[in-house]
Protein backbone atom coordinates (compact mmCIF):
# COMPACT_ATOMS: atom_id res chain seq x y z
CA MET A 1 -4.48 -33.31 82.96
CA THR A 2 -7.07 -31.41 85.01
CA LEU A 3 -8.13 -28.44 83.48
CA PRO A 4 -9.68 -25.12 85.74
CA GLY A 5 -13.16 -24.20 85.59
CA LEU A 6 -14.05 -21.40 82.86
CA ALA A 7 -13.70 -18.13 85.19
CA MET A 8 -13.51 -15.03 82.90
CA ALA A 9 -12.62 -12.62 85.43
CA ARG A 10 -9.11 -14.52 86.18
CA SER A 11 -8.70 -15.78 82.48
CA ILE A 12 -6.79 -12.96 80.83
CA GLY A 13 -3.35 -14.15 80.06
CA ASP A 14 -4.15 -17.49 81.16
CA HIS A 15 -2.57 -19.57 78.31
CA LEU A 16 -3.48 -22.74 79.77
CA VAL A 17 -7.21 -22.69 78.60
CA GLY A 18 -6.37 -21.31 75.39
CA GLY A 19 -7.45 -24.72 73.69
CA LYS A 20 -10.75 -24.25 75.17
CA GLY A 21 -11.60 -20.98 73.15
CA VAL A 22 -10.07 -18.45 75.84
CA ILE A 23 -8.29 -15.67 74.56
CA ALA A 24 -5.22 -14.65 76.79
CA LYS A 25 -4.56 -11.33 74.78
CA PRO A 26 -6.75 -7.96 76.11
CA GLU A 27 -8.08 -5.56 73.72
CA VAL A 28 -6.04 -2.29 75.09
CA LYS A 29 -6.75 0.95 74.27
CA GLU A 30 -4.84 3.91 75.15
CA VAL A 31 -6.42 7.16 75.44
CA ASP A 32 -4.70 10.56 76.64
CA ILE A 33 -7.13 12.20 79.30
CA ASP A 34 -6.53 16.16 79.66
CA PRO A 35 -7.67 17.23 83.23
CA ALA A 36 -8.29 20.64 82.19
CA ALA A 37 -10.78 19.05 79.71
CA ASN A 38 -12.44 16.73 82.13
CA MET A 39 -13.16 19.72 84.59
CA ALA A 40 -14.63 21.79 81.97
CA ALA A 41 -17.11 18.85 81.17
CA GLU A 42 -15.78 19.09 77.80
CA GLY A 43 -13.92 15.61 78.01
CA PRO A 44 -14.52 12.12 79.35
CA GLN A 45 -16.57 12.26 83.00
CA LEU A 46 -16.59 8.59 83.56
CA LEU A 47 -14.13 5.46 82.86
CA VAL A 48 -16.02 2.10 83.28
CA MET A 49 -14.29 -1.24 83.17
CA ALA A 50 -16.53 -4.07 83.03
CA SER A 51 -16.67 -7.78 82.20
CA ASP A 52 -19.12 -8.95 79.23
CA GLY A 53 -21.45 -9.90 81.70
CA VAL A 54 -22.10 -6.00 82.05
CA TRP A 55 -22.29 -5.34 78.32
CA GLU A 56 -24.27 -8.53 77.20
CA PHE A 57 -27.47 -6.62 77.53
CA ILE A 58 -26.25 -3.09 78.65
CA ASP A 59 -24.76 -0.99 76.04
CA SER A 60 -22.38 1.99 76.81
CA GLN A 61 -24.51 4.70 76.91
CA GLU A 62 -27.02 2.85 78.73
CA ALA A 63 -24.30 2.39 81.61
CA VAL A 64 -23.31 5.93 81.53
CA ASP A 65 -26.68 6.98 81.89
CA ILE A 66 -27.46 4.38 85.34
CA LEU A 67 -24.20 5.61 86.39
CA GLN A 68 -24.44 9.22 86.28
CA ALA A 69 -27.98 9.34 87.33
CA ASN A 70 -26.96 7.39 90.53
CA ASN A 71 -23.56 9.07 90.90
CA ALA A 72 -25.43 12.56 91.00
CA ARG A 73 -27.29 11.39 94.19
CA ALA A 74 -24.85 8.68 95.76
CA SER A 75 -21.30 7.34 96.20
CA ALA A 76 -19.83 6.02 93.46
CA THR A 77 -19.62 2.35 94.95
CA GLU A 78 -23.57 3.07 95.15
CA ALA A 79 -23.41 3.95 91.46
CA VAL A 80 -21.65 0.93 90.24
CA THR A 81 -23.94 -1.21 92.33
CA LYS A 82 -26.93 0.24 90.56
CA LEU A 83 -25.06 -0.84 87.46
CA ILE A 84 -24.31 -4.41 88.30
CA GLU A 85 -27.91 -4.58 89.56
CA THR A 86 -29.51 -3.70 86.30
CA ALA A 87 -27.64 -6.22 84.71
CA ALA A 88 -28.31 -8.94 86.63
CA HIS A 89 -31.80 -7.99 86.29
CA GLN A 90 -31.32 -8.03 82.52
CA TRP A 91 -30.06 -11.91 82.64
CA ARG A 92 -32.70 -12.91 84.45
CA LYS A 93 -35.27 -11.41 82.25
CA GLU A 94 -33.32 -12.75 79.55
CA GLU A 95 -31.84 -16.10 80.38
CA GLY A 96 -33.83 -17.34 83.83
CA ASP A 97 -31.30 -18.79 86.34
CA TYR A 98 -28.18 -18.53 84.34
CA ARG A 99 -26.04 -15.30 84.08
CA ASP A 100 -22.19 -14.47 83.28
CA ASP A 101 -19.74 -13.03 85.63
CA ILE A 102 -20.86 -9.57 86.52
CA THR A 103 -18.14 -7.30 87.45
CA ALA A 104 -17.48 -3.47 86.91
CA VAL A 105 -15.59 -0.33 88.26
CA CYS A 106 -16.14 3.06 87.65
CA ILE A 107 -14.02 6.14 87.86
CA ASN A 108 -15.34 9.54 88.19
CA LEU A 109 -12.86 11.38 86.20
CA VAL A 110 -13.98 14.67 87.24
CA GLU A 111 -13.89 13.76 90.93
CA LEU A 112 -10.27 12.56 90.78
CA PHE A 113 -8.90 15.55 88.90
CA LYS A 114 -10.54 17.83 91.76
CA ARG A 115 -8.77 15.43 94.52
CA GLY A 116 -5.28 15.98 92.46
CA ASP A 117 -5.74 19.90 92.95
CA ASP A 118 -6.05 19.34 96.92
């Protein structure tokens, strides 16, 4: 039997490689978000979803700092690109030519809820 290569971004729910250490059950956390609190800057401002390639060398607060600094003067796409570039740089610094999959999505909740009001 031929087994697939390890592709973490596609492995959630992949029971075929469970014997190789891939956990097919994702960790899920549900959070209620109040749009009014977000608009008043009292609630969460950003939602960040990223692969372990981002989190290996960047903690949550650093990721938020990178995204907020870049989102203030650029588009969300450019801000998340900066996060990905920072993660890739850290991998090069720590591991040389090797790096894990780096995938990230950022949603600016304030902007999202502003659009909902239109």
